[in-house]
């Protein structure tokens, strides 16, 4: 279940609609291109309808549990 912050609309995303998950790492760099942080991992979930959803630990305090549930269900 995904809830929009602005409109408070709820969207249900069935696990069956997940095609794949890519894990990316975000790093912050200064103006000289030097890393200023370790960065963090986030997941991009690709759906059968062509949409994608970014799930990151910054947005979800239960990020690990969400990703474990998705990976268990789609594998």
C-alpha atoms as a PDB file:
ATOM      1  CA  UNK A   1       0.000   0.000   0.000  1.00  0.00           C
ATOM      2  CA  UNK A   2       1.411   3.366  -1.041  1.00  0.00           C
ATOM      3  CA  UNK A   3      -0.073   6.581   0.368  1.00  0.00           C
ATOM      4  CA  UNK A   4       0.508   9.900  -1.384  1.00  0.00           C
ATOM      5  CA  UNK A   5       1.713  12.605   0.983  1.00  0.00           C
ATOM      6  CA  UNK A   6      -0.030  15.415  -0.855  1.00  0.00           C
ATOM      7  CA  UNK A   7      -3.389  13.895  -1.718  1.00  0.00           C
ATOM      8  CA  UNK A   8      -3.587  11.157   0.940  1.00  0.00           C
ATOM      9  CA  UNK A   9      -4.675   8.806  -1.838  1.00  0.00           C
ATOM     10  CA  UNK A  10      -3.932   5.135  -1.269  1.00  0.00           C
ATOM     11  CA  UNK A  11      -2.686   2.881  -4.032  1.00  0.00           C
ATOM     12  CA  UNK A  12      -2.431  -0.881  -3.666  1.00  0.00           C
ATOM     13  CA  UNK A  13       0.442  -2.522  -5.527  1.00  0.00           C
ATOM     14  CA  UNK A  14       0.096  -6.312  -5.687  1.00  0.00           C
ATOM     15  CA  UNK A  15       3.352  -8.231  -5.381  1.00  0.00           C
ATOM     16  CA  UNK A  16       2.451 -10.048  -8.626  1.00  0.00           C
ATOM     17  CA  UNK A  17       2.809  -6.758 -10.536  1.00  0.00           C
ATOM     18  CA  UNK A  18       6.530  -6.465  -9.665  1.00  0.00           C
ATOM     19  CA  UNK A  19       8.807  -7.344 -12.565  1.00  0.00           C
ATOM     20  CA  UNK A  20      12.180  -6.733 -10.953  1.00  0.00           C
ATOM     21  CA  UNK A  21      14.059  -4.702  -8.369  1.00  0.00           C
ATOM     22  CA  UNK A  22      17.270  -2.768  -8.985  1.00  0.00           C
ATOM     23  CA  UNK A  23      19.385  -1.580  -6.081  1.00  0.00           C
ATOM     24  CA  UNK A  24      21.223   1.715  -6.527  1.00  0.00           C
ATOM     25  CA  UNK A  25      23.581   3.687  -4.319  1.00  0.00           C
ATOM     26  CA  UNK A  26      23.332   7.429  -3.912  1.00  0.00           C
ATOM     27  CA  UNK A  27      26.409   9.452  -2.995  1.00  0.00           C
ATOM     28  CA  UNK A  28      26.707  13.129  -2.305  1.00  0.00           C
ATOM     29  CA  UNK A  29      29.643  14.951  -3.875  1.00  0.00           C
ATOM     30  CA  UNK A  30      30.989  18.451  -3.409  1.00  0.00           C
ATOM     31  CA  UNK A  31      31.540  20.881  -6.292  1.00  0.00           C
ATOM     32  CA  UNK A  32      34.958  19.314  -6.963  1.00  0.00           C
ATOM     33  CA  UNK A  33      33.484  15.825  -7.398  1.00  0.00           C
ATOM     34  CA  UNK A  34      34.790  14.496  -4.088  1.00  0.00           C
ATOM     35  CA  UNK A  35      32.451  12.239  -2.089  1.00  0.00           C
ATOM     36  CA  UNK A  36      31.209  14.011   1.037  1.00  0.00           C
ATOM     37  CA  UNK A  37      29.121  11.132   2.349  1.00  0.00           C
ATOM     38  CA  UNK A  38      29.013   7.359   2.311  1.00  0.00           C
ATOM     39  CA  UNK A  39      25.669   7.569   0.534  1.00  0.00           C
ATOM     40  CA  UNK A  40      22.800   5.161   0.960  1.00  0.00           C
ATOM     41  CA  UNK A  41      21.180   2.297  -0.906  1.00  0.00           C
ATOM     42  CA  UNK A  42      17.703   2.545  -2.362  1.00  0.00           C
ATOM     43  CA  UNK A  43      15.588   0.226  -4.465  1.00  0.00           C
ATOM     44  CA  UNK A  44      13.790   0.860  -7.725  1.00  0.00           C
ATOM     45  CA  UNK A  45      10.812  -1.451  -8.139  1.00  0.00           C
ATOM     46  CA  UNK A  46       9.702  -1.928 -11.752  1.00  0.00           C
ATOM     47  CA  UNK A  47       6.031  -2.798 -12.291  1.00  0.00           C
ATOM     48  CA  UNK A  48       4.217  -4.642 -15.074  1.00  0.00           C
ATOM     49  CA  UNK A  49       2.259  -1.497 -16.020  1.00  0.00           C
ATOM     50  CA  UNK A  50       5.498   0.309 -16.982  1.00  0.00           C
ATOM     51  CA  UNK A  51       5.676   2.405 -13.824  1.00  0.00           C
ATOM     52  CA  UNK A  52       8.427   2.286 -11.233  1.00  0.00           C
ATOM     53  CA  UNK A  53       8.568   3.050  -7.550  1.00  0.00           C
ATOM     54  CA  UNK A  54      11.563   4.165  -5.501  1.00  0.00           C
ATOM     55  CA  UNK A  55      11.756   2.703  -2.011  1.00  0.00           C
ATOM     56  CA  UNK A  56      14.474   4.228   0.149  1.00  0.00           C
ATOM     57  CA  UNK A  57      15.426   4.090   3.817  1.00  0.00           C
ATOM     58  CA  UNK A  58      14.946   7.870   3.935  1.00  0.00           C
ATOM     59  CA  UNK A  59      11.263   7.491   3.140  1.00  0.00           C
ATOM     60  CA  UNK A  60      10.468   4.256   4.970  1.00  0.00           C
ATOM     61  CA  UNK A  61      11.664   3.489   8.487  1.00  0.00           C
ATOM     62  CA  UNK A  62      10.782  -0.161   7.820  1.00  0.00           C
ATOM     63  CA  UNK A  63      12.731  -0.268   4.516  1.00  0.00           C
ATOM     64  CA  UNK A  64      14.450  -3.586   5.319  1.00  0.00           C
ATOM     65  CA  UNK A  65      11.193  -5.304   6.212  1.00  0.00           C
ATOM     66  CA  UNK A  66       9.488  -4.017   3.048  1.00  0.00           C
ATOM     67  CA  UNK A  67      12.318  -5.226   0.823  1.00  0.00           C
ATOM     68  CA  UNK A  68      12.498  -8.609   2.584  1.00  0.00           C
ATOM     69  CA  UNK A  69       8.749  -9.116   2.105  1.00  0.00           C
ATOM     70  CA  UNK A  70       8.941  -8.193  -1.591  1.00  0.00           C
ATOM     71  CA  UNK A  71      11.972 -10.391  -2.264  1.00  0.00           C
ATOM     72  CA  UNK A  72      10.414 -13.352  -0.445  1.00  0.00           C
ATOM     73  CA  UNK A  73       7.182 -13.021  -2.376  1.00  0.00           C
ATOM     74  CA  UNK A  74       8.557 -12.545  -5.895  1.00  0.00           C
ATOM     75  CA  UNK A  75      11.329 -15.144  -5.764  1.00  0.00           C
END
